[in-house]
C-alpha cells in the first residue's frame, strides 16, 4: 500500500463506516470459544487487533514499518514486521484473519499453505478478497494488488492448500451499484492527475447510514449467502 495512506487509515479506522463494518463482520463469525489465539495477517494500523483483545490473545504481522509504528501507538504487543508467505511464528492459532491481503501476494497458493501450517487442527481462517477481475482499476494499483478474485478461483486455491471453505459469500451487495460507476469515472479522471484514495470524506450521517445498511446485511449473512457484491467473505476450516 502507498506509504502516505497509513496516516489516513490510522485516523479513519476510528470512525469510517467501511472499517467499522468489516471489524463487526469478523467478530460476528469468530468461533464461540474463550481465550482464542488470534493472528491478524496484514494488521495495518491495528484497530481490529485492539478490538479482538476482548476475545483472547492477539498477534499481528504487517509488511510495512509504518503499520507497525501505528500499532505500537495503540499500545499493541506481539507485532511483527513480516511478509506472507515467509512468516516465522512459533505459535499455532485458533483463528487467522486475512482481510484484503491475498490479492497483494504473487503466489497466493504458497501463502495459503503457510496459513494452513499456522492453524491449529480445528483452526479457522476468516478471509476477504476483492472480486470481479473486470473491476481492476487505479485503486488496485494504489493498493498493490496482483488480482481480483471470482468465487471459483478462490475456492480452487483454498482447496489446493487443504483449506475447506465452509462459507463463501459476496458482501457489500448494496454498495456495488454505486461503486462501479464511481470507479469507472475516477479511472478516466486519474489518467490525467495523481490517483487519490477512495476513502473520501463523508458526512457523519452518511457513515451512520452506510454502517446501518452493512449491519442489516451482516444479519442476513448469518443464515444465507449473497449472489453479488463488492468483496468475497470466506470462512475456512483447516483439513
Protein backbone atom coordinates (compact mmCIF):
# COMPACT_ATOMS: atom_id res chain seq x y z
CA UNK A 1 0.00 0.00 0.00
CA UNK A 2 1.17 3.54 -0.68
CA UNK A 3 3.06 4.92 2.34
CA UNK A 4 1.05 8.13 2.62
CA UNK A 5 -2.17 6.17 3.20
CA UNK A 6 -1.19 4.74 6.62
CA UNK A 7 -1.68 8.01 8.49
CA UNK A 8 -5.08 8.35 6.83
CA UNK A 9 -6.01 4.77 7.75
CA UNK A 10 -4.98 5.26 11.39
CA UNK A 11 -7.36 8.21 11.70
CA UNK A 12 -10.20 6.79 9.62
CA UNK A 13 -10.31 3.38 11.31
CA UNK A 14 -11.85 5.10 14.33
CA UNK A 15 -14.97 6.32 12.53
CA UNK A 16 -15.10 5.31 8.85
CA UNK A 17 -18.09 3.03 8.26
CA UNK A 18 -16.15 0.66 5.94
CA UNK A 19 -13.55 -0.19 8.57
CA UNK A 20 -16.12 -0.40 11.35
CA UNK A 21 -18.37 -2.76 9.41
CA UNK A 22 -15.52 -5.12 8.46
CA UNK A 23 -14.48 -5.40 12.09
CA UNK A 24 -18.06 -6.12 13.11
CA UNK A 25 -18.36 -8.84 10.45
CA UNK A 26 -15.19 -10.57 11.64
CA UNK A 27 -16.35 -10.55 15.26
CA UNK A 28 -19.73 -11.95 14.23
CA UNK A 29 -18.08 -15.08 12.81
CA UNK A 30 -15.46 -15.79 15.47
CA UNK A 31 -15.75 -19.33 16.90
CA UNK A 32 -17.66 -19.48 20.21
CA UNK A 33 -14.62 -20.23 22.37
CA UNK A 34 -12.93 -18.36 25.17
CA UNK A 35 -9.30 -17.22 25.22
CA UNK A 36 -8.72 -17.57 21.49
CA UNK A 37 -5.26 -17.33 19.97
CA UNK A 38 -5.73 -14.97 17.02
CA UNK A 39 -3.36 -13.87 14.26
CA UNK A 40 -4.16 -10.82 12.11
CA UNK A 41 -2.14 -11.02 8.88
CA UNK A 42 -1.90 -7.59 7.30
CA UNK A 43 -2.90 -5.91 10.54
CA UNK A 44 -2.50 -2.39 9.14
CA UNK A 45 -2.69 0.25 11.85
CA UNK A 46 -4.11 -2.18 14.39
CA UNK A 47 -7.70 -1.17 15.19
CA UNK A 48 -9.05 -4.68 14.55
CA UNK A 49 -6.34 -6.17 16.78
CA UNK A 50 -7.27 -3.70 19.51
CA UNK A 51 -10.92 -4.80 19.41
CA UNK A 52 -10.07 -8.52 19.25
CA UNK A 53 -8.16 -8.47 22.55
CA UNK A 54 -11.50 -8.99 24.31
CA UNK A 55 -11.64 -12.49 22.76
CA UNK A 56 -8.16 -13.70 23.71
CA UNK A 57 -4.50 -13.19 22.81
CA UNK A 58 -3.83 -11.40 19.52
CA UNK A 59 -0.75 -11.34 17.29
CA UNK A 60 -0.28 -9.17 14.22
CA UNK A 61 2.03 -9.06 11.22
CA UNK A 62 2.43 -6.47 8.50
CA UNK A 63 4.93 -5.77 5.76
CA UNK A 64 5.37 -2.05 6.33
CA UNK A 65 7.21 -0.27 9.18
CA UNK A 66 4.56 2.47 9.11
CA UNK A 67 1.88 -0.06 10.05
CA UNK A 68 4.00 -1.41 12.91
CA UNK A 69 4.57 2.13 14.20
CA UNK A 70 0.83 2.87 14.33
CA UNK A 71 0.06 -0.48 16.00
CA UNK A 72 2.55 0.37 18.73
CA UNK A 73 0.96 3.79 19.08
CA UNK A 74 -2.21 1.92 20.05
CA UNK A 75 -0.23 0.09 22.74
CA UNK A 76 -0.39 -3.28 20.98
CA UNK A 77 2.15 -6.04 21.57
CA UNK A 78 3.06 -9.15 19.57
CA UNK A 79 3.51 -7.06 16.41
CA UNK A 80 5.94 -8.35 13.80
CA UNK A 81 7.36 -6.91 10.59
CA UNK A 82 7.00 -9.96 8.36
CA UNK A 83 5.68 -10.84 4.92
CA UNK A 84 3.36 -13.67 3.96
CA UNK A 85 4.22 -16.39 2.93
CA UNK A 86 7.55 -16.09 4.84
CA UNK A 87 6.12 -15.94 8.36
CA UNK A 88 8.35 -17.01 11.23
CA UNK A 89 5.98 -17.51 14.15
CA UNK A 90 6.25 -20.19 16.83
CA UNK A 91 2.58 -20.28 17.79
CA UNK A 92 -0.39 -22.12 16.32
CA UNK A 93 -3.64 -20.20 16.13
CA UNK A 94 -7.34 -20.85 16.66
CA UNK A 95 -8.21 -18.06 14.22
CA UNK A 96 -6.22 -16.39 11.46
CA UNK A 97 -7.67 -13.24 9.94
CA UNK A 98 -6.56 -12.23 6.47
CA UNK A 99 -8.59 -9.24 5.26
CA UNK A 100 -7.79 -7.97 1.77
CA UNK A 101 -4.28 -9.45 1.87
CA UNK A 102 -4.23 -12.40 -0.52
CA UNK A 103 -4.53 -10.20 -3.59
CA UNK A 104 -1.26 -8.47 -2.60
CA UNK A 105 0.74 -11.72 -2.89
CA UNK A 106 2.10 -13.05 -6.17
CA UNK A 107 1.96 -16.70 -5.05
CA UNK A 108 -1.35 -16.98 -3.21
CA UNK A 109 -1.18 -20.79 -3.03
CA UNK A 110 2.08 -20.76 -1.07
CA UNK A 111 0.63 -18.05 1.18
CA UNK A 112 -2.40 -20.22 1.97
CA UNK A 113 -0.18 -23.24 2.66
CA UNK A 114 1.67 -21.13 5.23
CA UNK A 115 -1.66 -20.23 6.84
CA UNK A 116 -2.61 -23.92 6.88
CA UNK A 117 0.62 -24.68 8.77
CA UNK A 118 -0.06 -21.94 11.34
CA UNK A 119 -3.63 -23.02 12.12
CA UNK A 120 -4.45 -25.44 14.90
CA UNK A 121 -6.14 -28.70 13.89
CA UNK A 122 -9.62 -27.21 14.20
CA UNK A 123 -8.47 -23.70 13.33
CA UNK A 124 -10.47 -21.20 11.30
CA UNK A 125 -9.40 -18.72 8.63
CA UNK A 126 -11.50 -15.58 8.10
CA UNK A 127 -10.70 -14.14 4.71
CA UNK A 128 -11.79 -11.29 2.45
CA UNK A 129 -10.68 -10.54 -1.11
CA UNK A 130 -11.81 -8.08 -3.80
CA UNK A 131 -13.92 -9.51 -6.62
CA UNK A 132 -14.50 -9.16 -10.36
CA UNK A 133 -11.28 -9.06 -12.43
CA UNK A 134 -13.02 -6.66 -14.84
CA UNK A 135 -13.20 -4.10 -12.00
CA UNK A 136 -9.40 -3.95 -11.62
CA UNK A 137 -8.58 -0.22 -11.55
CA UNK A 138 -6.35 2.61 -10.31
CA UNK A 139 -7.39 1.72 -6.72
CA UNK A 140 -6.00 -1.79 -7.09
CA UNK A 141 -2.74 -0.31 -8.39
CA UNK A 142 -2.53 2.13 -5.45
CA UNK A 143 -3.01 -0.76 -3.03
CA UNK A 144 -0.53 -3.05 -4.80
CA UNK A 145 -2.95 -5.76 -5.93
CA UNK A 146 -1.94 -8.60 -8.24
CA UNK A 147 -5.51 -9.71 -8.95
CA UNK A 148 -9.19 -9.70 -8.14
CA UNK A 149 -10.97 -13.00 -7.50
CA UNK A 150 -14.01 -14.90 -8.62
CA UNK A 151 -15.66 -17.33 -6.15
CA UNK A 152 -14.50 -20.32 -8.21
CA UNK A 153 -10.88 -19.16 -8.35
CA UNK A 154 -10.80 -18.54 -4.59
CA UNK A 155 -12.36 -21.91 -3.84
CA UNK A 156 -9.86 -23.73 -6.09
CA UNK A 157 -6.79 -22.20 -4.48
CA UNK A 158 -8.15 -22.82 -0.98
CA UNK A 159 -8.76 -26.49 -1.70
CA UNK A 160 -5.26 -26.88 -3.19
CA UNK A 161 -3.92 -25.55 0.11
CA UNK A 162 -6.05 -28.13 2.00
CA UNK A 163 -8.32 -25.49 3.44
CA UNK A 164 -12.03 -26.28 3.37
CA UNK A 165 -14.41 -23.36 2.66
CA UNK A 166 -17.45 -23.60 4.91
CA UNK A 167 -18.89 -20.25 3.79
CA UNK A 168 -18.15 -18.16 0.70
CA UNK A 169 -20.40 -15.20 0.07
CA UNK A 170 -20.35 -11.80 -1.54
CA UNK A 171 -20.61 -8.84 0.83
CA UNK A 172 -21.48 -5.15 0.42
CA UNK A 173 -24.11 -6.02 -2.16
CA UNK A 174 -25.89 -2.72 -1.55
CA UNK A 175 -22.72 -0.81 -2.46
CA UNK A 176 -21.92 -2.38 -5.83
CA UNK A 177 -24.30 -0.24 -7.97
CA UNK A 178 -22.64 2.88 -6.53
CA UNK A 179 -19.02 1.77 -6.67
CA UNK A 180 -18.91 0.57 -10.30
CA UNK A 181 -19.71 3.97 -11.89
CA UNK A 182 -17.63 5.73 -9.20
CA UNK A 183 -14.55 3.66 -10.10
CA UNK A 184 -15.09 3.97 -13.85
CA UNK A 185 -15.40 7.77 -13.68
CA UNK A 186 -12.33 8.12 -11.43
CA UNK A 187 -10.38 5.77 -13.70
CA UNK A 188 -10.86 8.30 -16.51
CA UNK A 189 -10.03 11.27 -14.27
CA UNK A 190 -6.85 9.68 -12.90
CA UNK A 191 -5.36 9.22 -16.36
CA UNK A 192 -4.58 12.96 -16.10
CA UNK A 193 -3.88 13.55 -12.38
CA UNK A 194 -2.29 11.60 -9.49
CA UNK A 195 -4.71 8.94 -8.16
CA UNK A 196 -6.19 9.63 -4.73
CA UNK A 197 -7.64 7.38 -2.04
CA UNK A 198 -11.18 6.04 -2.45
CA UNK A 199 -11.78 6.77 1.24
CA UNK A 200 -13.16 10.21 0.57
CA UNK A 201 -14.56 12.48 3.28
CA UNK A 202 -18.20 11.78 4.07
CA UNK A 203 -20.64 13.50 6.44
CA UNK A 204 -21.17 11.62 9.70
CA UNK A 205 -24.84 10.96 8.94
CA UNK A 206 -23.78 9.06 5.81
CA UNK A 207 -21.26 6.98 7.76
CA UNK A 208 -24.06 6.02 10.15
CA UNK A 209 -26.44 5.16 7.30
CA UNK A 210 -23.90 3.01 5.44
CA UNK A 211 -22.91 1.23 8.64
CA UNK A 212 -26.58 0.50 9.34
CA UNK A 213 -27.06 -0.94 5.85
CA UNK A 214 -23.96 -3.11 6.30
CA UNK A 215 -25.25 -4.29 9.69
CA UNK A 216 -28.55 -5.41 8.14
CA UNK A 217 -26.60 -7.31 5.50
CA UNK A 218 -24.45 -8.96 8.19
CA UNK A 219 -27.54 -10.30 9.96
CA UNK A 220 -28.71 -11.82 6.68
CA UNK A 221 -25.29 -13.49 6.27
CA UNK A 222 -25.75 -15.50 9.47
CA UNK A 223 -28.06 -17.84 7.56
CA UNK A 224 -27.67 -17.03 3.85
CA UNK A 225 -25.19 -16.05 1.18
CA UNK A 226 -25.41 -13.12 -1.24
CA UNK A 227 -25.19 -13.56 -5.04
CA UNK A 228 -23.11 -10.46 -5.85
CA UNK A 229 -21.27 -7.66 -4.08
CA UNK A 230 -18.06 -5.71 -3.75
CA UNK A 231 -15.94 -8.31 -1.87
CA UNK A 232 -15.86 -12.00 -1.10
CA UNK A 233 -16.10 -13.06 2.54
CA UNK A 234 -14.95 -16.56 3.36
CA UNK A 235 -14.86 -18.79 6.44
CA UNK A 236 -12.37 -21.64 6.06
CA UNK A 237 -11.63 -24.71 8.16
CA UNK A 238 -8.29 -26.49 8.25
CA UNK A 239 -8.48 -30.01 6.76
